[in-house]
Amino acid sequence: MINRSRITACAALLSLAALGACAGQTNLRKAAFDTMSAYHVAATGAEAYLASGSVNATVKADIKTASAAALVPLTTLDTAVSNGDTVTASELATAESALAGLQSALSTAQTTTTTGSN
């Protein structure tokens, strides 16, 4: 004889697990959008610094390197989001780390600009 209460309980647990997975993916996608938006802000700052008249050659090279390094995992993340693919925490962490590198290079640019070290 089939125990209907067990089947109902199992179905409820599976539904909760699926809902949790969806919520987790929703949070990862939101974080991916936030990271990509932060990159666009940082890239705008990088372009402005690089276009300014007097830039520190070392800082300029660091910004270009960090920007190129950030673009690789961010492009992967953007492709996954655009295609409706699963976004992993690892992909997100890699993109966030690369973005942090670009933000650090921009911070150095700001420091050298405000201290006159360029």
Protein backbone atom coordinates (compact mmCIF):
# COMPACT_ATOMS: atom_id res chain seq x y z
CA MET A 1 0.00 0.00 0.00
CA ILE A 2 1.28 3.43 -0.89
CA ASN A 3 1.78 5.80 2.00
CA ARG A 4 0.37 9.05 0.61
CA SER A 5 1.62 11.17 3.49
CA ARG A 6 5.21 10.06 2.81
CA ILE A 7 4.86 10.81 -0.88
CA THR A 8 3.42 14.23 -0.07
CA ALA A 9 6.23 14.91 2.39
CA CYS A 10 8.86 13.83 -0.15
CA ALA A 11 7.27 15.99 -2.83
CA ALA A 12 7.24 18.95 -0.46
CA LEU A 13 10.92 18.47 0.37
CA LEU A 14 11.84 18.22 -3.30
CA SER A 15 9.85 21.37 -4.02
CA LEU A 16 11.66 23.21 -1.22
CA ALA A 17 15.02 22.01 -2.52
CA ALA A 18 14.16 23.17 -6.04
CA LEU A 19 12.92 26.51 -4.68
CA GLY A 20 16.15 26.90 -2.71
CA ALA A 21 18.20 26.18 -5.82
CA CYS A 22 16.20 28.76 -7.77
CA ALA A 23 16.64 31.33 -5.02
CA GLY A 24 20.36 30.62 -4.93
CA GLN A 25 20.62 31.06 -8.70
CA THR A 26 18.59 34.27 -8.50
CA ASN A 27 21.00 35.65 -5.90
CA LEU A 28 24.00 34.63 -8.03
CA ARG A 29 22.49 36.32 -11.08
CA LYS A 30 21.80 39.50 -9.10
CA ALA A 31 25.39 39.49 -7.83
CA ALA A 32 26.58 38.92 -11.42
CA PHE A 33 24.60 41.96 -12.62
CA ASP A 34 25.98 44.03 -9.74
CA THR A 35 29.54 42.95 -10.57
CA MET A 36 29.10 43.72 -14.26
CA SER A 37 27.65 47.15 -13.39
CA ALA A 38 30.58 47.87 -11.08
CA TYR A 39 32.95 46.93 -13.90
CA HIS A 40 31.28 49.43 -16.24
CA VAL A 41 31.71 52.17 -13.64
CA ALA A 42 35.37 51.21 -13.13
CA ALA A 43 35.97 51.00 -16.89
CA THR A 44 34.57 54.51 -17.30
CA GLY A 45 36.99 55.76 -14.64
CA ALA A 46 39.84 53.92 -16.33
CA GLU A 47 39.03 55.48 -19.69
CA ALA A 48 38.88 58.92 -18.14
CA TYR A 49 42.25 58.48 -16.45
CA LEU A 50 43.89 57.09 -19.58
CA ALA A 51 42.49 59.94 -21.68
CA SER A 52 43.78 62.62 -19.34
CA GLY A 53 46.82 64.59 -20.44
CA SER A 54 49.40 63.51 -17.91
CA VAL A 55 49.28 59.92 -16.74
CA ASN A 56 51.84 57.85 -14.89
CA ALA A 57 53.17 55.29 -17.39
CA THR A 58 53.38 52.54 -14.77
CA VAL A 59 49.87 53.17 -13.51
CA LYS A 60 48.61 53.34 -17.09
CA ALA A 61 50.11 49.92 -17.83
CA ASP A 62 48.66 48.52 -14.59
CA ILE A 63 45.19 49.79 -15.47
CA LYS A 64 45.34 48.32 -18.96
CA THR A 65 46.52 44.96 -17.62
CA ALA A 66 43.91 44.88 -14.86
CA SER A 67 41.15 45.91 -17.26
CA ALA A 68 42.06 43.17 -19.73
CA ALA A 69 42.27 40.63 -16.90
CA ALA A 70 38.84 41.67 -15.57
CA LEU A 71 37.22 41.52 -18.97
CA VAL A 72 37.85 37.77 -19.42
CA PRO A 73 35.83 36.44 -16.45
CA LEU A 74 33.26 39.22 -16.78
CA THR A 75 32.64 38.27 -20.41
CA THR A 76 32.16 34.66 -19.33
CA LEU A 77 29.73 35.79 -16.64
CA ASP A 78 27.85 38.05 -19.06
CA THR A 79 27.55 35.23 -21.59
CA ALA A 80 26.18 32.85 -18.95
CA VAL A 81 23.61 35.39 -17.78
CA SER A 82 22.62 36.38 -21.33
CA ASN A 83 22.18 32.76 -22.38
CA GLY A 84 20.21 31.84 -19.27
CA ASP A 85 22.94 29.40 -18.22
CA THR A 86 23.68 28.56 -14.63
CA VAL A 87 25.95 31.06 -12.89
CA THR A 88 28.34 29.44 -10.44
CA ALA A 89 29.71 30.93 -7.26
CA SER A 90 33.19 30.20 -8.59
CA GLU A 91 32.61 32.19 -11.78
CA LEU A 92 31.24 35.05 -9.75
CA ALA A 93 34.17 34.99 -7.31
CA THR A 94 36.68 35.00 -10.18
CA ALA A 95 34.95 38.00 -11.78
CA GLU A 96 34.75 39.85 -8.47
CA SER A 97 38.44 39.22 -7.81
CA ALA A 98 39.41 40.48 -11.25
CA LEU A 99 37.23 43.55 -10.75
CA ALA A 100 38.95 44.20 -7.42
CA GLY A 101 42.28 44.22 -9.28
CA LEU A 102 41.02 46.91 -11.65
CA GLN A 103 39.58 48.93 -8.78
CA SER A 104 42.94 48.70 -6.99
CA ALA A 105 44.76 49.99 -10.07
CA LEU A 106 42.29 52.87 -10.29
CA SER A 107 42.82 53.64 -6.63
CA THR A 108 46.55 53.83 -7.29
CA ALA A 109 45.86 56.16 -10.22
CA GLN A 110 43.81 58.42 -7.99
CA THR A 111 46.53 58.45 -5.34
CA THR A 112 49.26 59.30 -7.82
CA THR A 113 47.10 62.02 -9.37
CA THR A 114 46.22 63.67 -6.07
CA THR A 115 49.78 63.48 -4.70
CA GLY A 116 51.34 64.72 -7.92
CA SER A 117 53.35 61.55 -8.43
CA ASN A 118 52.51 61.19 -12.09
